[in-house]
Amino acid sequence: RFANFDDFLDKVDAACCNKRLVESLIKAGAFDSLGETRRSLLNDHTEAIDECLHTKRNEAIGQFDLFGDADDGARAPFRRERRGIAEWDKAALLGYEREMLGLYVSDHPLFGIEHILAAARDCPIAALTSGEDRPDGSVVIVGGLLTSVQRKVTRRGDAWAIAVLEDLEGAIEVMLFPAVYQQCATQLAEDTVVLIRGRVDRREDAPKLVAMELTVPDLADGPRGPVIVTLAANRCTPPVVDRLKEVLAAHPGSCEVHLRLLSGARTTVLRLDERMRVSPSPSLMGDLKALLGAACLGG
């Protein structure tokens, strides 16, 4: 195990101190456990590698540090002063992560806004891709993240696109033909959260969606119904309840909160006091998940 980033550079073989390789590891989050932000390491890694390689080369030809141990030729571990820099915002952090790994690992852009998409859609994407509940030709509204956009041109010179829409349960290919494409071209970009109304196409093995309309939801909006927090009854202890009250109080609003307690096959739903009404923002959903786990909003 490495104590920090400099310790990593110091201990690995010089051949592993490749700038592009290390940059990719930083963006992917490989050094997250070492106590420095990805942004800080990316800002400094080229100079750190140059300095460390210089030390390793001198060591290889016997030019040890003047202050090293004269008896055994040992040198002091490589260390470099580094100015801490605040981390990138969530979008940039996850963008680099997906660029390097092809998927999100540390977080997901849709975490915290599931309730907004659920309120606006007809069904999750998995309902289209894993079952026949929505027959060929049916019109549905789905929501999620555009993870791929390929812009194309017809023989007549009209622009259109093929996109991949992904939610937390699945992904589907979306066809945006010229008439629809012209209406939403400026909103059609990777990593954009969108709602798409379209027609289900099951003529091939993998279902597709032929877009009829694309809109960008207001992510500040909340659901019309109550926020339902699900919790195992044996976890409903005074410390947890007190912390839950603090989280709810930090997000005041007009939306009711229902506490759904699970005890074996028995479920009890409690409507919390009017003073515990909240604004169902992504920040609130994130705080609830941090306190109670991701499943707390699944009810």
C-alpha atoms as a PDB file:
ATOM      1  CA  ARG A   1       0.000   0.000   0.000  1.00  0.00           C
ATOM      2  CA  PHE A   2       1.231   3.505  -0.827  1.00  0.00           C
ATOM      3  CA  ALA A   3       1.182   6.234   1.802  1.00  0.00           C
ATOM      4  CA  ASN A   4       0.639   9.041  -0.720  1.00  0.00           C
ATOM      5  CA  PHE A   5       1.121   9.947  -4.380  1.00  0.00           C
ATOM      6  CA  ASP A   6       4.814  10.744  -3.957  1.00  0.00           C
ATOM      7  CA  ASP A   7       5.305   7.388  -2.244  1.00  0.00           C
ATOM      8  CA  PHE A   8       3.765   5.724  -5.317  1.00  0.00           C
ATOM      9  CA  LEU A   9       6.178   7.510  -7.675  1.00  0.00           C
ATOM     10  CA  ASP A  10       9.081   6.706  -5.386  1.00  0.00           C
ATOM     11  CA  LYS A  11       8.393   2.972  -5.135  1.00  0.00           C
ATOM     12  CA  VAL A  12       7.306   1.985  -8.641  1.00  0.00           C
ATOM     13  CA  ASP A  13       9.750   1.257 -11.423  1.00  0.00           C
ATOM     14  CA  ALA A  14      10.785   4.221 -13.552  1.00  0.00           C
ATOM     15  CA  ALA A  15       9.079   2.607 -16.552  1.00  0.00           C
ATOM     16  CA  CYS A  16       5.740   2.961 -14.732  1.00  0.00           C
ATOM     17  CA  CYS A  17       6.213   6.716 -14.286  1.00  0.00           C
ATOM     18  CA  ASN A  18       4.628   7.402 -17.648  1.00  0.00           C
ATOM     19  CA  LYS A  19       2.840  10.748 -17.715  1.00  0.00           C
ATOM     20  CA  ARG A  20      -0.095   9.647 -19.860  1.00  0.00           C
ATOM     21  CA  LEU A  21      -0.548   6.479 -17.820  1.00  0.00           C
ATOM     22  CA  VAL A  22      -0.456   8.353 -14.519  1.00  0.00           C
ATOM     23  CA  GLU A  23      -2.840  11.002 -15.885  1.00  0.00           C
ATOM     24  CA  SER A  24      -5.322   8.270 -16.803  1.00  0.00           C
ATOM     25  CA  LEU A  25      -5.025   6.708 -13.348  1.00  0.00           C
ATOM     26  CA  ILE A  26      -5.657  10.091 -11.715  1.00  0.00           C
ATOM     27  CA  LYS A  27      -8.760  10.769 -13.815  1.00  0.00           C
ATOM     28  CA  ALA A  28     -10.080   7.274 -13.094  1.00  0.00           C
ATOM     29  CA  GLY A  29      -9.756   7.827  -9.339  1.00  0.00           C
ATOM     30  CA  ALA A  30      -6.977   5.299  -8.701  1.00  0.00           C
ATOM     31  CA  PHE A  31      -5.327   7.596  -6.133  1.00  0.00           C
ATOM     32  CA  ASP A  32      -8.479   8.722  -4.309  1.00  0.00           C
ATOM     33  CA  SER A  33      -7.509   6.871  -1.128  1.00  0.00           C
ATOM     34  CA  LEU A  34      -4.218   8.769  -0.832  1.00  0.00           C
ATOM     35  CA  GLY A  35      -5.715  11.972   0.516  1.00  0.00           C
ATOM     36  CA  GLU A  36      -5.407  14.441  -2.375  1.00  0.00           C
ATOM     37  CA  THR A  37      -7.947  15.619  -4.925  1.00  0.00           C
ATOM     38  CA  ARG A  38      -7.785  14.381  -8.499  1.00  0.00           C
ATOM     39  CA  ARG A  39      -7.599  17.962  -9.694  1.00  0.00           C
ATOM     40  CA  SER A  40      -4.605  18.710  -7.467  1.00  0.00           C
ATOM     41  CA  LEU A  41      -2.714  15.631  -8.664  1.00  0.00           C
ATOM     42  CA  LEU A  42      -3.486  16.291 -12.323  1.00  0.00           C
ATOM     43  CA  ASN A  43      -2.265  19.860 -11.954  1.00  0.00           C
ATOM     44  CA  ASP A  44       1.084  18.738 -10.524  1.00  0.00           C
ATOM     45  CA  HIS A  45       1.764  15.216 -11.794  1.00  0.00           C
ATOM     46  CA  THR A  46       3.993  16.116 -14.766  1.00  0.00           C
ATOM     47  CA  GLU A  47       6.433  18.123 -12.645  1.00  0.00           C
ATOM     48  CA  ALA A  48       6.347  15.499  -9.894  1.00  0.00           C
ATOM     49  CA  ILE A  49       7.161  12.739 -12.385  1.00  0.00           C
ATOM     50  CA  ASP A  50      10.009  14.756 -13.935  1.00  0.00           C
ATOM     51  CA  GLU A  51      11.494  15.408 -10.502  1.00  0.00           C
ATOM     52  CA  CYS A  52      11.137  11.805  -9.382  1.00  0.00           C
ATOM     53  CA  LEU A  53      12.602  10.409 -12.619  1.00  0.00           C
ATOM     54  CA  HIS A  54      15.576  12.743 -12.268  1.00  0.00           C
ATOM     55  CA  THR A  55      16.186  11.312  -8.793  1.00  0.00           C
ATOM     56  CA  LYS A  56      15.792   7.723 -10.014  1.00  0.00           C
ATOM     57  CA  ARG A  57      18.233   8.255 -12.908  1.00  0.00           C
ATOM     58  CA  ASN A  58      20.845   9.768 -10.619  1.00  0.00           C
ATOM     59  CA  GLU A  59      20.368   6.872  -8.252  1.00  0.00           C
ATOM     60  CA  ALA A  60      20.852   4.396 -11.102  1.00  0.00           C
ATOM     61  CA  ILE A  61      24.279   5.826 -11.953  1.00  0.00           C
ATOM     62  CA  GLY A  62      25.349   6.147  -8.334  1.00  0.00           C
ATOM     63  CA  GLN A  63      24.823   9.875  -7.823  1.00  0.00           C
ATOM     64  CA  PHE A  64      22.982   9.646  -4.525  1.00  0.00           C
ATOM     65  CA  ASP A  65      21.692  12.603  -2.627  1.00  0.00           C
ATOM     66  CA  LEU A  66      24.442  14.506  -0.827  1.00  0.00           C
ATOM     67  CA  PHE A  67      22.574  14.017   2.435  1.00  0.00           C
ATOM     68  CA  GLY A  68      21.956  10.295   1.978  1.00  0.00           C
ATOM     69  CA  ASP A  69      23.391   7.697   4.318  1.00  0.00           C
ATOM     70  CA  ALA A  70      27.071   7.398   3.421  1.00  0.00           C
ATOM     71  CA  ASP A  71      27.271   3.856   4.786  1.00  0.00           C
ATOM     72  CA  ASP A  72      24.581   2.141   2.745  1.00  0.00           C
ATOM     73  CA  GLY A  73      23.919   4.645  -0.033  1.00  0.00           C
ATOM     74  CA  ALA A  74      20.312   5.077   1.079  1.00  0.00           C
ATOM     75  CA  ARG A  75      18.521   8.278   0.202  1.00  0.00           C
ATOM     76  CA  ALA A  76      15.602  10.097   1.697  1.00  0.00           C
ATOM     77  CA  PRO A  77      12.183   9.104   0.271  1.00  0.00           C
ATOM     78  CA  PHE A  78      10.977  11.286  -2.588  1.00  0.00           C
ATOM     79  CA  ARG A  79       8.668  14.009  -1.314  1.00  0.00           C
ATOM     80  CA  ARG A  80       7.287  17.073  -3.049  1.00  0.00           C
ATOM     81  CA  GLU A  81       5.406  20.023  -1.600  1.00  0.00           C
ATOM     82  CA  ARG A  82       2.051  20.274  -3.345  1.00  0.00           C
ATOM     83  CA  ARG A  83      -0.531  23.018  -3.038  1.00  0.00           C
ATOM     84  CA  GLY A  84      -3.950  21.541  -2.403  1.00  0.00           C
ATOM     85  CA  ILE A  85      -6.592  22.452  -4.982  1.00  0.00           C
ATOM     86  CA  ALA A  86     -10.335  21.998  -4.561  1.00  0.00           C
ATOM     87  CA  GLU A  87     -11.838  19.070  -6.447  1.00  0.00           C
ATOM     88  CA  TRP A  88     -13.625  19.456  -9.790  1.00  0.00           C
ATOM     89  CA  ASP A  89     -17.385  19.738  -9.705  1.00  0.00           C
ATOM     90  CA  LYS A  90     -19.378  16.515  -9.976  1.00  0.00           C
ATOM     91  CA  ALA A  91     -19.966  16.808 -13.730  1.00  0.00           C
ATOM     92  CA  ALA A  92     -16.271  17.213 -14.568  1.00  0.00           C
ATOM     93  CA  LEU A  93     -15.174  14.540 -12.097  1.00  0.00           C
ATOM     94  CA  LEU A  94     -17.584  11.953 -13.486  1.00  0.00           C
ATOM     95  CA  GLY A  95     -16.901  13.022 -17.068  1.00  0.00           C
ATOM     96  CA  TYR A  96     -13.213  12.176 -16.701  1.00  0.00           C
ATOM     97  CA  GLU A  97     -14.086   8.958 -14.871  1.00  0.00           C
ATOM     98  CA  ARG A  98     -16.328   7.763 -17.671  1.00  0.00           C
ATOM     99  CA  GLU A  99     -13.793   8.857 -20.293  1.00  0.00           C
ATOM    100  CA  MET A 100     -11.156   6.627 -18.699  1.00  0.00           C
ATOM    101  CA  LEU A 101     -13.258   3.643 -17.580  1.00  0.00           C
ATOM    102  CA  GLY A 102     -16.294   3.691 -19.832  1.00  0.00           C
ATOM    103  CA  LEU A 103     -18.610   3.802 -16.810  1.00  0.00           C
ATOM    104  CA  TYR A 104     -19.272   5.717 -13.605  1.00  0.00           C
ATOM    105  CA  VAL A 105     -17.777   4.236 -10.429  1.00  0.00           C
ATOM    106  CA  SER A 106     -17.622   6.762  -7.592  1.00  0.00           C
ATOM    107  CA  ASP A 107     -21.013   8.365  -8.289  1.00  0.00           C
ATOM    108  CA  HIS A 108     -23.608   8.792 -11.037  1.00  0.00           C
ATOM    109  CA  PRO A 109     -25.025  11.995 -12.577  1.00  0.00           C
ATOM    110  CA  LEU A 110     -28.567  10.737 -11.958  1.00  0.00           C
ATOM    111  CA  PHE A 111     -28.118  10.097  -8.234  1.00  0.00           C
ATOM    112  CA  GLY A 112     -30.243  12.582  -6.333  1.00  0.00           C
ATOM    113  CA  ILE A 113     -32.578  13.441  -9.229  1.00  0.00           C
ATOM    114  CA  GLU A 114     -34.283  10.070  -9.703  1.00  0.00           C
ATOM    115  CA  HIS A 115     -37.482  11.457  -8.183  1.00  0.00           C
ATOM    116  CA  ILE A 116     -37.649  14.196 -10.822  1.00  0.00           C
ATOM    117  CA  LEU A 117     -37.339  11.738 -13.709  1.00  0.00           C
ATOM    118  CA  ALA A 118     -39.730   9.267 -12.088  1.00  0.00           C
ATOM    119  CA  ALA A 119     -42.388  11.971 -11.807  1.00  0.00           C
ATOM    120  CA  ALA A 120     -42.094  12.925 -15.485  1.00  0.00           C
ATOM    121  CA  ARG A 121     -41.673   9.550 -17.214  1.00  0.00           C
ATOM    122  CA  ASP A 122     -44.130   6.774 -18.050  1.00  0.00           C
ATOM    123  CA  CYS A 123     -41.727   3.943 -17.258  1.00  0.00           C
ATOM    124  CA  PRO A 124     -38.044   3.152 -16.678  1.00  0.00           C
ATOM    125  CA  ILE A 125     -35.962   2.187 -19.699  1.00  0.00           C
ATOM    126  CA  ALA A 126     -35.699  -1.396 -18.435  1.00  0.00           C
ATOM    127  CA  ALA A 127     -39.443  -1.773 -19.039  1.00  0.00           C
ATOM    128  CA  LEU A 128     -38.769  -1.265 -22.753  1.00  0.00           C
ATOM    129  CA  THR A 129     -35.649  -3.389 -23.090  1.00  0.00           C
ATOM    130  CA  SER A 130     -36.402  -6.376 -20.866  1.00  0.00           C
ATOM    131  CA  GLY A 131     -40.092  -6.977 -21.458  1.00  0.00           C
ATOM    132  CA  GLU A 132     -42.974  -6.699 -23.892  1.00  0.00           C
ATOM    133  CA  ASP A 133     -45.199  -4.563 -21.659  1.00  0.00           C
ATOM    134  CA  ARG A 134     -44.857  -1.695 -24.130  1.00  0.00           C
ATOM    135  CA  PRO A 135     -45.700  -3.130 -27.574  1.00  0.00           C
ATOM    136  CA  ASP A 136     -44.279  -2.034 -30.902  1.00  0.00           C
ATOM    137  CA  GLY A 137     -45.602   1.374 -31.885  1.00  0.00           C
ATOM    138  CA  SER A 138     -46.646   2.455 -28.395  1.00  0.00           C
ATOM    139  CA  VAL A 139     -45.755   6.002 -27.351  1.00  0.00           C
ATOM    140  CA  VAL A 140     -43.870   6.447 -24.077  1.00  0.00           C
ATOM    141  CA  ILE A 141     -41.955   9.086 -22.152  1.00  0.00           C
ATOM    142  CA  VAL A 142     -38.614   8.055 -20.668  1.00  0.00           C
ATOM    143  CA  GLY A 143     -35.891  10.053 -18.973  1.00  0.00           C
ATOM    144  CA  GLY A 144     -32.201   9.709 -18.348  1.00  0.00           C
ATOM    145  CA  LEU A 145     -28.713  10.711 -19.387  1.00  0.00           C
ATOM    146  CA  LEU A 146     -27.497  10.965 -22.980  1.00  0.00           C
ATOM    147  CA  THR A 147     -24.315   8.885 -22.912  1.00  0.00           C
ATOM    148  CA  SER A 148     -23.653   8.876 -26.653  1.00  0.00           C
ATOM    149  CA  VAL A 149     -24.642  11.135 -29.552  1.00  0.00           C
ATOM    150  CA  GLN A 150     -23.748  10.343 -33.170  1.00  0.00           C
ATOM    151  CA  ARG A 151     -24.679  13.066 -35.630  1.00  0.00           C
ATOM    152  CA  LYS A 152     -25.365  11.969 -39.196  1.00  0.00           C
ATOM    153  CA  VAL A 153     -26.521  13.399 -42.534  1.00  0.00           C
ATOM    154  CA  THR A 154     -29.032  11.858 -44.938  1.00  0.00           C
ATOM    155  CA  ARG A 155     -28.428  11.586 -48.678  1.00  0.00           C
ATOM    156  CA  ARG A 156     -30.562  14.689 -49.064  1.00  0.00           C
ATOM    157  CA  GLY A 157     -28.283  16.589 -46.706  1.00  0.00           C
ATOM    158  CA  ASP A 158     -30.625  16.636 -43.699  1.00  0.00           C
ATOM    159  CA  ALA A 159     -29.030  16.261 -40.273  1.00  0.00           C
ATOM    160  CA  TRP A 160     -30.213  13.564 -37.858  1.00  0.00           C
ATOM    161  CA  ALA A 161     -28.744  11.624 -34.951  1.00  0.00           C
ATOM    162  CA  ILE A 162     -28.549   8.343 -33.084  1.00  0.00           C
ATOM    163  CA  ALA A 163     -28.245   8.674 -29.310  1.00  0.00           C
ATOM    164  CA  VAL A 164     -28.073   6.349 -26.324  1.00  0.00           C
ATOM    165  CA  LEU A 165     -30.289   7.238 -23.374  1.00  0.00           C
ATOM    166  CA  GLU A 166     -29.386   5.670 -20.038  1.00  0.00           C
ATOM    167  CA  ASP A 167     -31.093   5.666 -16.653  1.00  0.00           C
ATOM    168  CA  LEU A 168     -30.151   3.764 -13.493  1.00  0.00           C
ATOM    169  CA  GLU A 169     -31.849   0.589 -14.738  1.00  0.00           C
ATOM    170  CA  GLY A 170     -30.974   0.326 -18.417  1.00  0.00           C
ATOM    171  CA  ALA A 171     -30.145   1.979 -21.731  1.00  0.00           C
ATOM    172  CA  ILE A 172     -31.822   2.276 -25.114  1.00  0.00           C
ATOM    173  CA  GLU A 173     -30.876   3.554 -28.557  1.00  0.00           C
ATOM    174  CA  VAL A 174     -32.854   6.590 -29.683  1.00  0.00           C
ATOM    175  CA  MET A 175     -33.350   7.633 -33.309  1.00  0.00           C
ATOM    176  CA  LEU A 176     -33.774  11.373 -33.865  1.00  0.00           C
ATOM    177  CA  PHE A 177     -34.831  11.874 -37.465  1.00  0.00           C
ATOM    178  CA  PRO A 178     -34.471  15.255 -39.240  1.00  0.00           C
ATOM    179  CA  ALA A 179     -37.780  16.870 -38.228  1.00  0.00           C
ATOM    180  CA  VAL A 180     -37.224  16.166 -34.525  1.00  0.00           C
ATOM    181  CA  TYR A 181     -33.474  16.754 -34.715  1.00  0.00           C
ATOM    182  CA  GLN A 182     -33.975  20.310 -35.983  1.00  0.00           C
ATOM    183  CA  GLN A 183     -36.078  21.115 -32.915  1.00  0.00           C
ATOM    184  CA  CYS A 184     -33.610  19.802 -30.333  1.00  0.00           C
ATOM    185  CA  ALA A 185     -30.153  19.960 -31.962  1.00  0.00           C
ATOM    186  CA  THR A 186     -28.868  22.549 -29.484  1.00  0.00           C
ATOM    187  CA  GLN A 187     -29.922  20.397 -26.513  1.00  0.00           C
ATOM    188  CA  LEU A 188     -28.494  17.186 -27.927  1.00  0.00           C
ATOM    189  CA  ALA A 189     -25.184  16.680 -26.127  1.00  0.00           C
ATOM    190  CA  GLU A 190     -23.543  13.902 -24.167  1.00  0.00           C
ATOM    191  CA  ASP A 191     -24.011  13.953 -20.375  1.00  0.00           C
ATOM    192  CA  THR A 192     -27.239  15.962 -20.690  1.00  0.00           C
ATOM    193  CA  VAL A 193     -30.253  14.861 -18.640  1.00  0.00           C
ATOM    194  CA  VAL A 194     -33.311  14.760 -20.897  1.00  0.00           C
ATOM    195  CA  LEU A 195     -36.874  13.517 -21.230  1.00  0.00           C
ATOM    196  CA  ILE A 196     -37.809  11.891 -24.536  1.00  0.00           C
ATOM    197  CA  ARG A 197     -41.284  11.157 -25.837  1.00  0.00           C
ATOM    198  CA  GLY A 198     -41.077   8.575 -28.555  1.00  0.00           C
ATOM    199  CA  ARG A 199     -42.472   5.538 -30.316  1.00  0.00           C
ATOM    200  CA  VAL A 200     -41.228   2.066 -29.390  1.00  0.00           C
ATOM    201  CA  ASP A 201     -39.697   0.179 -32.331  1.00  0.00           C
ATOM    202  CA  ARG A 202     -39.451  -3.600 -31.834  1.00  0.00           C
ATOM    203  CA  ARG A 203     -38.825  -4.626 -35.436  1.00  0.00           C
ATOM    204  CA  GLU A 204     -35.255  -5.667 -34.614  1.00  0.00           C
ATOM    205  CA  ASP A 205     -33.840  -7.820 -31.817  1.00  0.00           C
ATOM    206  CA  ALA A 206     -32.958  -4.834 -29.631  1.00  0.00           C
ATOM    207  CA  PRO A 207     -35.821  -2.377 -29.039  1.00  0.00           C
ATOM    208  CA  LYS A 208     -35.273   1.227 -30.097  1.00  0.00           C
ATOM    209  CA  LEU A 209     -37.065   4.477 -29.490  1.00  0.00           C
ATOM    210  CA  VAL A 210     -37.989   6.800 -32.348  1.00  0.00           C
ATOM    211  CA  ALA A 211     -38.002  10.252 -30.790  1.00  0.00           C
ATOM    212  CA  MET A 212     -40.987  12.548 -31.238  1.00  0.00           C
ATOM    213  CA  GLU A 213     -39.935  15.211 -28.729  1.00  0.00           C
ATOM    214  CA  LEU A 214     -36.919  15.927 -26.522  1.00  0.00           C
ATOM    215  CA  THR A 215     -36.964  18.271 -23.536  1.00  0.00           C
ATOM    216  CA  VAL A 216     -34.560  19.154 -20.742  1.00  0.00           C
ATOM    217  CA  PRO A 217     -36.278  18.910 -17.330  1.00  0.00           C
ATOM    218  CA  ASP A 218     -35.964  21.566 -14.659  1.00  0.00           C
ATOM    219  CA  LEU A 219     -33.825  19.727 -12.139  1.00  0.00           C
ATOM    220  CA  ALA A 220     -34.878  22.135  -9.399  1.00  0.00           C
ATOM    221  CA  ASP A 221     -38.439  20.839  -9.587  1.00  0.00           C
ATOM    222  CA  GLY A 222     -39.627  18.266  -7.089  1.00  0.00           C
ATOM    223  CA  PRO A 223     -42.325  15.615  -7.119  1.00  0.00           C
ATOM    224  CA  ARG A 224     -45.930  16.547  -6.398  1.00  0.00           C
ATOM    225  CA  GLY A 225     -46.389  13.771  -3.877  1.00  0.00           C
ATOM    226  CA  PRO A 226     -44.632  13.187  -0.541  1.00  0.00           C
ATOM    227  CA  VAL A 227     -40.989  12.259  -0.140  1.00  0.00           C
ATOM    228  CA  ILE A 228     -41.050   8.645   1.067  1.00  0.00           C
ATOM    229  CA  VAL A 229     -38.114   7.577   3.219  1.00  0.00           C
ATOM    230  CA  THR A 230     -37.801   3.813   3.716  1.00  0.00           C
ATOM    231  CA  LEU A 231     -36.025   2.440   6.773  1.00  0.00           C
ATOM    232  CA  ALA A 232     -35.750  -0.908   8.544  1.00  0.00           C
ATOM    233  CA  ALA A 233     -37.558  -0.645  11.882  1.00  0.00           C
ATOM    234  CA  ASN A 234     -34.538  -1.924  13.819  1.00  0.00           C
ATOM    235  CA  ARG A 235     -32.484   0.983  12.462  1.00  0.00           C
ATOM    236  CA  CYS A 236     -34.973   3.552  13.737  1.00  0.00           C
ATOM    237  CA  THR A 237     -32.927   4.416  16.824  1.00  0.00           C
ATOM    238  CA  PRO A 238     -32.848   7.798  18.621  1.00  0.00           C
ATOM    239  CA  PRO A 239     -29.464   8.817  17.116  1.00  0.00           C
ATOM    240  CA  VAL A 240     -30.661   7.988  13.584  1.00  0.00           C
ATOM    241  CA  VAL A 241     -33.973   9.798  14.129  1.00  0.00           C
ATOM    242  CA  ASP A 242     -32.178  12.873  15.463  1.00  0.00           C
ATOM    243  CA  ARG A 243     -29.833  12.922  12.487  1.00  0.00           C
ATOM    244  CA  LEU A 244     -32.772  12.464  10.101  1.00  0.00           C
ATOM    245  CA  LYS A 245     -34.508  15.461  11.673  1.00  0.00           C
ATOM    246  CA  GLU A 246     -31.370  17.534  11.136  1.00  0.00           C
ATOM    247  CA  VAL A 247     -31.192  16.548   7.464  1.00  0.00           C
ATOM    248  CA  LEU A 248     -34.868  17.359   6.867  1.00  0.00           C
ATOM    249  CA  ALA A 249     -34.613  20.658   8.755  1.00  0.00           C
ATOM    250  CA  ALA A 250     -31.722  21.681   6.499  1.00  0.00           C
ATOM    251  CA  HIS A 251     -34.005  21.468   3.422  1.00  0.00           C
ATOM    252  CA  PRO A 252     -37.254  23.235   4.409  1.00  0.00           C
ATOM    253  CA  GLY A 253     -40.077  23.363   1.889  1.00  0.00           C
ATOM    254  CA  SER A 254     -43.713  22.496   1.237  1.00  0.00           C
ATOM    255  CA  CYS A 255     -43.475  18.769   0.460  1.00  0.00           C
ATOM    256  CA  GLU A 256     -44.656  16.188   2.994  1.00  0.00           C
ATOM    257  CA  VAL A 257     -42.333  13.470   4.263  1.00  0.00           C
ATOM    258  CA  HIS A 258     -43.552   9.929   4.922  1.00  0.00           C
ATOM    259  CA  LEU A 259     -41.418   7.474   6.889  1.00  0.00           C
ATOM    260  CA  ARG A 260     -41.904   3.876   5.735  1.00  0.00           C
ATOM    261  CA  LEU A 261     -40.768   1.404   8.403  1.00  0.00           C
ATOM    262  CA  LEU A 262     -40.104  -2.214   7.413  1.00  0.00           C
ATOM    263  CA  SER A 263     -40.241  -5.039   9.950  1.00  0.00           C
ATOM    264  CA  GLY A 264     -40.283  -8.442   8.284  1.00  0.00           C
ATOM    265  CA  ALA A 265     -43.509  -8.704   6.285  1.00  0.00           C
ATOM    266  CA  ARG A 266     -45.012  -5.748   8.115  1.00  0.00           C
ATOM    267  CA  THR A 267     -44.857  -2.197   6.756  1.00  0.00           C
ATOM    268  CA  THR A 268     -45.827   0.909   8.711  1.00  0.00           C
ATOM    269  CA  VAL A 269     -46.072   4.335   7.080  1.00  0.00           C
ATOM    270  CA  LEU A 270     -45.845   7.421   9.278  1.00  0.00           C
ATOM    271  CA  ARG A 271     -46.580  10.946   8.101  1.00  0.00           C
ATOM    272  CA  LEU A 272     -44.064  13.249   9.723  1.00  0.00           C
ATOM    273  CA  ASP A 273     -44.952  16.492  11.442  1.00  0.00           C
ATOM    274  CA  GLU A 274     -45.891  19.481   9.265  1.00  0.00           C
ATOM    275  CA  ARG A 275     -42.755  21.218  10.506  1.00  0.00           C
ATOM    276  CA  MET A 276     -40.709  18.522   8.746  1.00  0.00           C
ATOM    277  CA  ARG A 277     -41.912  19.452   5.251  1.00  0.00           C
ATOM    278  CA  VAL A 278     -39.037  19.703   2.777  1.00  0.00           C
ATOM    279  CA  SER A 279     -37.943  20.946  -0.619  1.00  0.00           C
ATOM    280  CA  PRO A 280     -37.232  17.724  -2.575  1.00  0.00           C
ATOM    281  CA  SER A 281     -33.976  18.886  -4.142  1.00  0.00           C
ATOM    282  CA  PRO A 282     -31.083  16.740  -5.410  1.00  0.00           C
ATOM    283  CA  SER A 283     -29.135  17.941  -2.374  1.00  0.00           C
ATOM    284  CA  LEU A 284     -31.766  16.535   0.004  1.00  0.00           C
ATOM    285  CA  MET A 285     -31.840  13.197  -1.814  1.00  0.00           C
ATOM    286  CA  GLY A 286     -28.071  12.993  -1.625  1.00  0.00           C
ATOM    287  CA  ASP A 287     -28.056  13.760   2.115  1.00  0.00           C
ATOM    288  CA  LEU A 288     -30.730  11.136   2.796  1.00  0.00           C
ATOM    289  CA  LYS A 289     -28.794   8.497   0.879  1.00  0.00           C
ATOM    290  CA  ALA A 290     -25.587   9.399   2.692  1.00  0.00           C
ATOM    291  CA  LEU A 291     -27.349   8.926   6.028  1.00  0.00           C
ATOM    292  CA  LEU A 292     -29.583   5.918   5.354  1.00  0.00           C
ATOM    293  CA  GLY A 293     -28.210   4.281   2.201  1.00  0.00           C
ATOM    294  CA  ALA A 294     -29.262   4.355  -1.457  1.00  0.00           C
ATOM    295  CA  ALA A 295     -32.284   2.089  -0.847  1.00  0.00           C
ATOM    296  CA  CYS A 296     -33.956   4.611   1.461  1.00  0.00           C
ATOM    297  CA  LEU A 297     -35.648   6.323  -1.502  1.00  0.00           C
ATOM    298  CA  GLY A 298     -36.687   3.169  -3.279  1.00  0.00           C
ATOM    299  CA  GLY A 299     -40.101   2.911  -1.673  1.00  0.00           C
END
